[in-house]
Amino acid sequence: GVSIFLRVFATMGLLWLGTAEASDQVAGKL
C-alpha cells in the first residue's frame, strides 16, 4: 500500500512539474 501511495505522490509531482512556471532551471526540472 505504501509503495502504491508513493507512485501516486510521484505522479502528483510530475503533474506539478508540468504545470509549474517555466524558468531557467529546465535541466533540473527534467
PDB file of all heavy atoms in Angstrom:
ATOM      1  N   GLY A   1       0.823  -1.216   0.000  1.00  0.00           N
ATOM      2  CA  GLY A   1       0.000   0.000   0.000  1.00  0.00           C
ATOM      3  C   GLY A   1       0.851   1.258   0.000  1.00  0.00           C
ATOM      4  O   GLY A   1       0.563   2.206  -0.736  1.00  0.00           O
ATOM      5  N   VAL A   2       1.900   1.263   0.804  1.00  0.00           N
ATOM      6  CA  VAL A   2       2.781   2.435   0.870  1.00  0.00           C
ATOM      7  C   VAL A   2       3.465   2.662  -0.477  1.00  0.00           C
ATOM      8  O   VAL A   2       3.562   3.803  -0.948  1.00  0.00           O
ATOM      9  CB  VAL A   2       3.821   2.270   1.999  1.00  0.00           C
ATOM     10  CG1 VAL A   2       4.923   3.301   1.898  1.00  0.00           C
ATOM     11  CG2 VAL A   2       3.134   2.359   3.356  1.00  0.00           C
ATOM     12  N   SER A   3       3.913   1.595  -1.133  1.00  0.00           N
ATOM     13  CA  SER A   3       4.564   1.781  -2.428  1.00  0.00           C
ATOM     14  C   SER A   3       3.575   2.273  -3.482  1.00  0.00           C
ATOM     15  O   SER A   3       3.941   3.058  -4.359  1.00  0.00           O
ATOM     16  CB  SER A   3       5.266   0.493  -2.881  1.00  0.00           C
ATOM     17  OG  SER A   3       4.340  -0.529  -3.140  1.00  0.00           O
ATOM     18  N   ILE A   4       2.313   1.855  -3.376  1.00  0.00           N
ATOM     19  CA  ILE A   4       1.294   2.374  -4.293  1.00  0.00           C
ATOM     20  C   ILE A   4       1.073   3.868  -4.032  1.00  0.00           C
ATOM     21  O   ILE A   4       0.968   4.669  -4.970  1.00  0.00           O
ATOM     22  CB  ILE A   4      -0.017   1.580  -4.150  1.00  0.00           C
ATOM     23  CG1 ILE A   4       0.177   0.161  -4.679  1.00  0.00           C
ATOM     24  CG2 ILE A   4      -1.159   2.275  -4.881  1.00  0.00           C
ATOM     25  CD1 ILE A   4      -0.966  -0.779  -4.363  1.00  0.00           C
ATOM     26  N   PHE A   5       1.023   4.258  -2.754  1.00  0.00           N
ATOM     27  CA  PHE A   5       0.861   5.671  -2.422  1.00  0.00           C
ATOM     28  C   PHE A   5       2.049   6.495  -2.925  1.00  0.00           C
ATOM     29  O   PHE A   5       1.876   7.621  -3.395  1.00  0.00           O
ATOM     30  CB  PHE A   5       0.683   5.866  -0.918  1.00  0.00           C
ATOM     31  CG  PHE A   5      -0.603   5.305  -0.379  1.00  0.00           C
ATOM     32  CD1 PHE A   5      -0.631   4.669   0.854  1.00  0.00           C
ATOM     33  CD2 PHE A   5      -1.789   5.396  -1.087  1.00  0.00           C
ATOM     34  CE1 PHE A   5      -1.807   4.151   1.363  1.00  0.00           C
ATOM     35  CE2 PHE A   5      -2.982   4.884  -0.593  1.00  0.00           C
ATOM     36  CZ  PHE A   5      -2.983   4.261   0.641  1.00  0.00           C
ATOM     37  N   LEU A   6       3.260   5.947  -2.854  1.00  0.00           N
ATOM     38  CA  LEU A   6       4.438   6.664  -3.351  1.00  0.00           C
ATOM     39  C   LEU A   6       4.328   6.910  -4.849  1.00  0.00           C
ATOM     40  O   LEU A   6       4.731   7.966  -5.346  1.00  0.00           O
ATOM     41  CB  LEU A   6       5.713   5.885  -3.035  1.00  0.00           C
ATOM     42  CG  LEU A   6       6.180   5.917  -1.590  1.00  0.00           C
ATOM     43  CD1 LEU A   6       7.388   5.013  -1.403  1.00  0.00           C
ATOM     44  CD2 LEU A   6       6.504   7.328  -1.156  1.00  0.00           C
ATOM     45  N   ARG A   7       3.780   5.934  -5.570  1.00  0.00           N
ATOM     46  CA  ARG A   7       3.578   6.104  -7.016  1.00  0.00           C
ATOM     47  C   ARG A   7       2.604   7.253  -7.286  1.00  0.00           C
ATOM     48  O   ARG A   7       2.822   8.062  -8.198  1.00  0.00           O
ATOM     49  CB  ARG A   7       3.073   4.800  -7.616  1.00  0.00           C
ATOM     50  CG  ARG A   7       2.861   4.844  -9.107  1.00  0.00           C
ATOM     51  CD  ARG A   7       2.451   3.466  -9.625  1.00  0.00           C
ATOM     52  NE  ARG A   7       2.012   3.522 -10.994  1.00  0.00           N
ATOM     53  CZ  ARG A   7       2.808   3.490 -12.044  1.00  0.00           C
ATOM     54  NH1 ARG A   7       4.114   3.403 -11.873  1.00  0.00           N
ATOM     55  NH2 ARG A   7       2.332   3.539 -13.268  1.00  0.00           N
ATOM     56  N   VAL A   8       1.555   7.332  -6.497  1.00  0.00           N
ATOM     57  CA  VAL A   8       0.587   8.421  -6.662  1.00  0.00           C
ATOM     58  C   VAL A   8       1.253   9.762  -6.369  1.00  0.00           C
ATOM     59  O   VAL A   8       1.065  10.741  -7.105  1.00  0.00           O
ATOM     60  CB  VAL A   8      -0.646   8.202  -5.757  1.00  0.00           C
ATOM     61  CG1 VAL A   8      -1.559   9.416  -5.765  1.00  0.00           C
ATOM     62  CG2 VAL A   8      -1.413   6.956  -6.183  1.00  0.00           C
ATOM     63  N   PHE A   9       2.071   9.822  -5.318  1.00  0.00           N
ATOM     64  CA  PHE A   9       2.763  11.068  -4.988  1.00  0.00           C
ATOM     65  C   PHE A   9       3.749  11.458  -6.089  1.00  0.00           C
ATOM     66  O   PHE A   9       3.907  12.643  -6.396  1.00  0.00           O
ATOM     67  CB  PHE A   9       3.474  10.963  -3.646  1.00  0.00           C
ATOM     68  CG  PHE A   9       2.531  10.863  -2.473  1.00  0.00           C
ATOM     69  CD1 PHE A   9       2.789   9.990  -1.441  1.00  0.00           C
ATOM     70  CD2 PHE A   9       1.391  11.636  -2.412  1.00  0.00           C
ATOM     71  CE1 PHE A   9       1.927   9.888  -0.354  1.00  0.00           C
ATOM     72  CE2 PHE A   9       0.520  11.554  -1.343  1.00  0.00           C
ATOM     73  CZ  PHE A   9       0.792  10.673  -0.312  1.00  0.00           C
ATOM     74  N   ALA A  10       4.420  10.476  -6.690  1.00  0.00           N
ATOM     75  CA  ALA A  10       5.334  10.769  -7.800  1.00  0.00           C
ATOM     76  C   ALA A  10       4.562  11.348  -8.980  1.00  0.00           C
ATOM     77  O   ALA A  10       5.021  12.293  -9.631  1.00  0.00           O
ATOM     78  CB  ALA A  10       6.083   9.504  -8.210  1.00  0.00           C
ATOM     79  N   THR A  11       3.386  10.802  -9.246  1.00  0.00           N
ATOM     80  CA  THR A  11       2.551  11.322 -10.336  1.00  0.00           C
ATOM     81  C   THR A  11       2.103  12.748 -10.028  1.00  0.00           C
ATOM     82  O   THR A  11       2.082  13.610 -10.923  1.00  0.00           O
ATOM     83  CB  THR A  11       1.331  10.412 -10.564  1.00  0.00           C
ATOM     84  OG1 THR A  11       1.778   9.081 -10.810  1.00  0.00           O
ATOM     85  CG2 THR A  11       0.508  10.891 -11.737  1.00  0.00           C
ATOM     86  N   MET A  12       1.757  13.009  -8.777  1.00  0.00           N
ATOM     87  CA  MET A  12       1.388  14.375  -8.386  1.00  0.00           C
ATOM     88  C   MET A  12       2.552  15.328  -8.629  1.00  0.00           C
ATOM     89  O   MET A  12       2.359  16.447  -9.117  1.00  0.00           O
ATOM     90  CB  MET A  12       0.980  14.407  -6.910  1.00  0.00           C
ATOM     91  CG  MET A  12      -0.344  13.746  -6.629  1.00  0.00           C
ATOM     92  SD  MET A  12      -0.687  13.539  -4.867  1.00  0.00           S
ATOM     93  CE  MET A  12      -0.852  15.219  -4.340  1.00  0.00           C
ATOM     94  N   GLY A  13       3.747  14.884  -8.299  1.00  0.00           N
ATOM     95  CA  GLY A  13       4.930  15.702  -8.543  1.00  0.00           C
ATOM     96  C   GLY A  13       5.159  15.969 -10.019  1.00  0.00           C
ATOM     97  O   GLY A  13       5.519  17.086 -10.419  1.00  0.00           O
ATOM     98  N   LEU A  14       4.927  14.955 -10.842  1.00  0.00           N
ATOM     99  CA  LEU A  14       5.092  15.136 -12.286  1.00  0.00           C
ATOM    100  C   LEU A  14       4.060  16.107 -12.848  1.00  0.00           C
ATOM    101  O   LEU A  14       4.392  16.937 -13.705  1.00  0.00           O
ATOM    102  CB  LEU A  14       4.994  13.786 -12.998  1.00  0.00           C
ATOM    103  CG  LEU A  14       6.208  12.881 -12.801  1.00  0.00           C
ATOM    104  CD1 LEU A  14       5.894  11.457 -13.242  1.00  0.00           C
ATOM    105  CD2 LEU A  14       7.410  13.428 -13.560  1.00  0.00           C
ATOM    106  N   LEU A  15       2.833  16.021 -12.368  1.00  0.00           N
ATOM    107  CA  LEU A  15       1.818  16.991 -12.805  1.00  0.00           C
ATOM    108  C   LEU A  15       2.205  18.402 -12.388  1.00  0.00           C
ATOM    109  O   LEU A  15       2.027  19.363 -13.143  1.00  0.00           O
ATOM    110  CB  LEU A  15       0.454  16.632 -12.223  1.00  0.00           C
ATOM    111  CG  LEU A  15      -0.383  15.648 -13.013  1.00  0.00           C
ATOM    112  CD1 LEU A  15      -1.693  15.361 -12.289  1.00  0.00           C
ATOM    113  CD2 LEU A  15      -0.652  16.125 -14.409  1.00  0.00           C
ATOM    114  N   TRP A  16       2.711  18.524 -11.179  1.00  0.00           N
ATOM    115  CA  TRP A  16       3.154  19.839 -10.710  1.00  0.00           C
ATOM    116  C   TRP A  16       4.290  20.369 -11.576  1.00  0.00           C
ATOM    117  O   TRP A  16       4.289  21.542 -11.958  1.00  0.00           O
ATOM    118  CB  TRP A  16       3.590  19.745  -9.254  1.00  0.00           C
ATOM    119  CG  TRP A  16       4.183  21.019  -8.752  1.00  0.00           C
ATOM    120  CD1 TRP A  16       3.530  22.158  -8.419  1.00  0.00           C
ATOM    121  CD2 TRP A  16       5.578  21.282  -8.564  1.00  0.00           C
ATOM    122  NE1 TRP A  16       4.428  23.121  -8.025  1.00  0.00           N
ATOM    123  CE2 TRP A  16       5.693  22.611  -8.102  1.00  0.00           C
ATOM    124  CE3 TRP A  16       6.729  20.529  -8.735  1.00  0.00           C
ATOM    125  CZ2 TRP A  16       6.918  23.188  -7.811  1.00  0.00           C
ATOM    126  CZ3 TRP A  16       7.945  21.104  -8.435  1.00  0.00           C
ATOM    127  CH2 TRP A  16       8.030  22.430  -7.989  1.00  0.00           C
ATOM    128  N   LEU A  17       5.251  19.504 -11.909  1.00  0.00           N
ATOM    129  CA  LEU A  17       6.355  19.942 -12.763  1.00  0.00           C
ATOM    130  C   LEU A  17       5.851  20.363 -14.142  1.00  0.00           C
ATOM    131  O   LEU A  17       6.378  21.299 -14.741  1.00  0.00           O
ATOM    132  CB  LEU A  17       7.395  18.825 -12.919  1.00  0.00           C
ATOM    133  CG  LEU A  17       8.277  18.559 -11.711  1.00  0.00           C
ATOM    134  CD1 LEU A  17       9.125  17.320 -11.939  1.00  0.00           C
ATOM    135  CD2 LEU A  17       9.163  19.765 -11.422  1.00  0.00           C
ATOM    136  N   GLY A  18       4.841  19.678 -14.638  1.00  0.00           N
ATOM    137  CA  GLY A  18       4.301  20.016 -15.949  1.00  0.00           C
ATOM    138  C   GLY A  18       3.532  21.314 -15.969  1.00  0.00           C
ATOM    139  O   GLY A  18       3.455  21.983 -16.999  1.00  0.00           O
ATOM    140  N   THR A  19       2.964  21.689 -14.837  1.00  0.00           N
ATOM    141  CA  THR A  19       2.166  22.923 -14.795  1.00  0.00           C
ATOM    142  C   THR A  19       2.896  24.069 -14.115  1.00  0.00           C
ATOM    143  O   THR A  19       2.374  25.179 -14.073  1.00  0.00           O
ATOM    144  CB  THR A  19       0.834  22.671 -14.056  1.00  0.00           C
ATOM    145  OG1 THR A  19       1.107  22.184 -12.742  1.00  0.00           O
ATOM    146  CG2 THR A  19      -0.021  21.677 -14.808  1.00  0.00           C
ATOM    147  N   ALA A  20       4.096  23.826 -13.604  1.00  0.00           N
ATOM    148  CA  ALA A  20       4.857  24.879 -12.922  1.00  0.00           C
ATOM    149  C   ALA A  20       5.323  25.922 -13.933  1.00  0.00           C
ATOM    150  O   ALA A  20       5.461  25.640 -15.124  1.00  0.00           O
ATOM    151  CB  ALA A  20       6.056  24.277 -12.192  1.00  0.00           C
ATOM    152  N   GLU A  21       5.566  27.102 -13.440  1.00  0.00           N
ATOM    153  CA  GLU A  21       6.051  28.184 -14.291  1.00  0.00           C
ATOM    154  C   GLU A  21       7.392  27.798 -14.915  1.00  0.00           C
ATOM    155  O   GLU A  21       8.247  27.206 -14.270  1.00  0.00           O
ATOM    156  CB  GLU A  21       6.233  29.461 -13.457  1.00  0.00           C
ATOM    157  CG  GLU A  21       4.942  30.061 -12.961  1.00  0.00           C
ATOM    158  CD  GLU A  21       4.118  30.651 -14.081  1.00  0.00           C
ATOM    159  OE1 GLU A  21       4.691  31.241 -15.018  1.00  0.00           O
ATOM    160  OE2 GLU A  21       2.888  30.518 -14.015  1.00  0.00           O
ATOM    161  N   ALA A  22       7.545  28.147 -16.174  1.00  0.00           N
ATOM    162  CA  ALA A  22       8.816  27.883 -16.853  1.00  0.00           C
ATOM    163  C   ALA A  22       9.891  28.793 -16.260  1.00  0.00           C
ATOM    164  O   ALA A  22       9.664  29.955 -15.995  1.00  0.00           O
ATOM    165  CB  ALA A  22       8.677  28.137 -18.344  1.00  0.00           C
ATOM    166  N   SER A  23      11.037  28.217 -16.045  1.00  0.00           N
ATOM    167  CA  SER A  23      12.140  29.016 -15.508  1.00  0.00           C
ATOM    168  C   SER A  23      13.415  28.612 -16.223  1.00  0.00           C
ATOM    169  O   SER A  23      13.421  27.750 -17.090  1.00  0.00           O
ATOM    170  CB  SER A  23      12.285  28.782 -14.002  1.00  0.00           C
ATOM    171  OG  SER A  23      12.716  27.464 -13.758  1.00  0.00           O
ATOM    172  N   ASP A  24      14.512  29.235 -15.824  1.00  0.00           N
ATOM    173  CA  ASP A  24      15.773  28.880 -16.452  1.00  0.00           C
ATOM    174  C   ASP A  24      16.394  27.640 -15.808  1.00  0.00           C
ATOM    175  O   ASP A  24      17.501  27.288 -16.118  1.00  0.00           O
ATOM    176  CB  ASP A  24      16.742  30.072 -16.419  1.00  0.00           C
ATOM    177  CG  ASP A  24      16.776  30.774 -15.080  1.00  0.00           C
ATOM    178  OD1 ASP A  24      16.257  30.224 -14.089  1.00  0.00           O
ATOM    179  OD2 ASP A  24      17.323  31.872 -15.038  1.00  0.00           O
ATOM    180  N   GLN A  25      15.678  26.967 -14.939  1.00  0.00           N
ATOM    181  CA  GLN A  25      16.168  25.740 -14.312  1.00  0.00           C
ATOM    182  C   GLN A  25      15.541  24.511 -14.973  1.00  0.00           C
ATOM    183  O   GLN A  25      15.190  23.555 -14.313  1.00  0.00           O
ATOM    184  CB  GLN A  25      15.835  25.766 -12.823  1.00  0.00           C
ATOM    185  CG  GLN A  25      16.362  26.978 -12.109  1.00  0.00           C
ATOM    186  CD  GLN A  25      17.347  26.590 -11.042  1.00  0.00           C
ATOM    187  OE1 GLN A  25      17.380  25.468 -10.614  1.00  0.00           O
ATOM    188  NE2 GLN A  25      18.165  27.531 -10.629  1.00  0.00           N
ATOM    189  N   VAL A  26      15.391  24.547 -16.280  1.00  0.00           N
ATOM    190  CA  VAL A  26      14.737  23.476 -17.021  1.00  0.00           C
ATOM    191  C   VAL A  26      15.492  22.159 -16.866  1.00  0.00           C
ATOM    192  O   VAL A  26      14.879  21.102 -16.717  1.00  0.00           O
ATOM    193  CB  VAL A  26      14.587  23.857 -18.515  1.00  0.00           C
ATOM    194  CG1 VAL A  26      14.043  22.702 -19.325  1.00  0.00           C
ATOM    195  CG2 VAL A  26      13.702  25.071 -18.652  1.00  0.00           C
ATOM    196  N   ALA A  27      16.817  22.214 -16.866  1.00  0.00           N
ATOM    197  CA  ALA A  27      17.603  20.988 -16.753  1.00  0.00           C
ATOM    198  C   ALA A  27      17.329  20.295 -15.416  1.00  0.00           C
ATOM    199  O   ALA A  27      17.140  19.077 -15.365  1.00  0.00           O
ATOM    200  CB  ALA A  27      19.094  21.288 -16.896  1.00  0.00           C
ATOM    201  N   GLY A  28      17.275  21.068 -14.329  1.00  0.00           N
ATOM    202  CA  GLY A  28      16.972  20.484 -13.023  1.00  0.00           C
ATOM    203  C   GLY A  28      15.574  19.908 -12.967  1.00  0.00           C
ATOM    204  O   GLY A  28      15.333  18.859 -12.367  1.00  0.00           O
ATOM    205  N   LYS A  29      14.657  20.579 -13.618  1.00  0.00           N
ATOM    206  CA  LYS A  29      13.277  20.113 -13.687  1.00  0.00           C
ATOM    207  C   LYS A  29      13.205  18.778 -14.424  1.00  0.00           C
ATOM    208  O   LYS A  29      12.502  17.860 -13.997  1.00  0.00           O
ATOM    209  CB  LYS A  29      12.454  21.190 -14.405  1.00  0.00           C
ATOM    210  CG  LYS A  29      10.982  20.980 -14.429  1.00  0.00           C
ATOM    211  CD  LYS A  29      10.344  22.249 -15.002  1.00  0.00           C
ATOM    212  CE  LYS A  29       9.008  22.019 -15.582  1.00  0.00           C
ATOM    213  NZ  LYS A  29       8.401  23.230 -16.104  1.00  0.00           N
ATOM    214  N   LEU A  30      13.958  18.657 -15.508  1.00  0.00           N
ATOM    215  CA  LEU A  30      13.963  17.416 -16.285  1.00  0.00           C
ATOM    216  C   LEU A  30      14.630  16.276 -15.527  1.00  0.00           C
ATOM    217  O   LEU A  30      14.194  15.127 -15.617  1.00  0.00           O
ATOM    218  CB  LEU A  30      14.634  17.626 -17.642  1.00  0.00           C
ATOM    219  CG  LEU A  30      13.875  18.507 -18.629  1.00  0.00           C
ATOM    220  CD1 LEU A  30      14.670  18.691 -19.906  1.00  0.00           C
ATOM    221  CD2 LEU A  30      12.504  17.922 -18.924  1.00  0.00           C
TER     222      LEU A  30
END
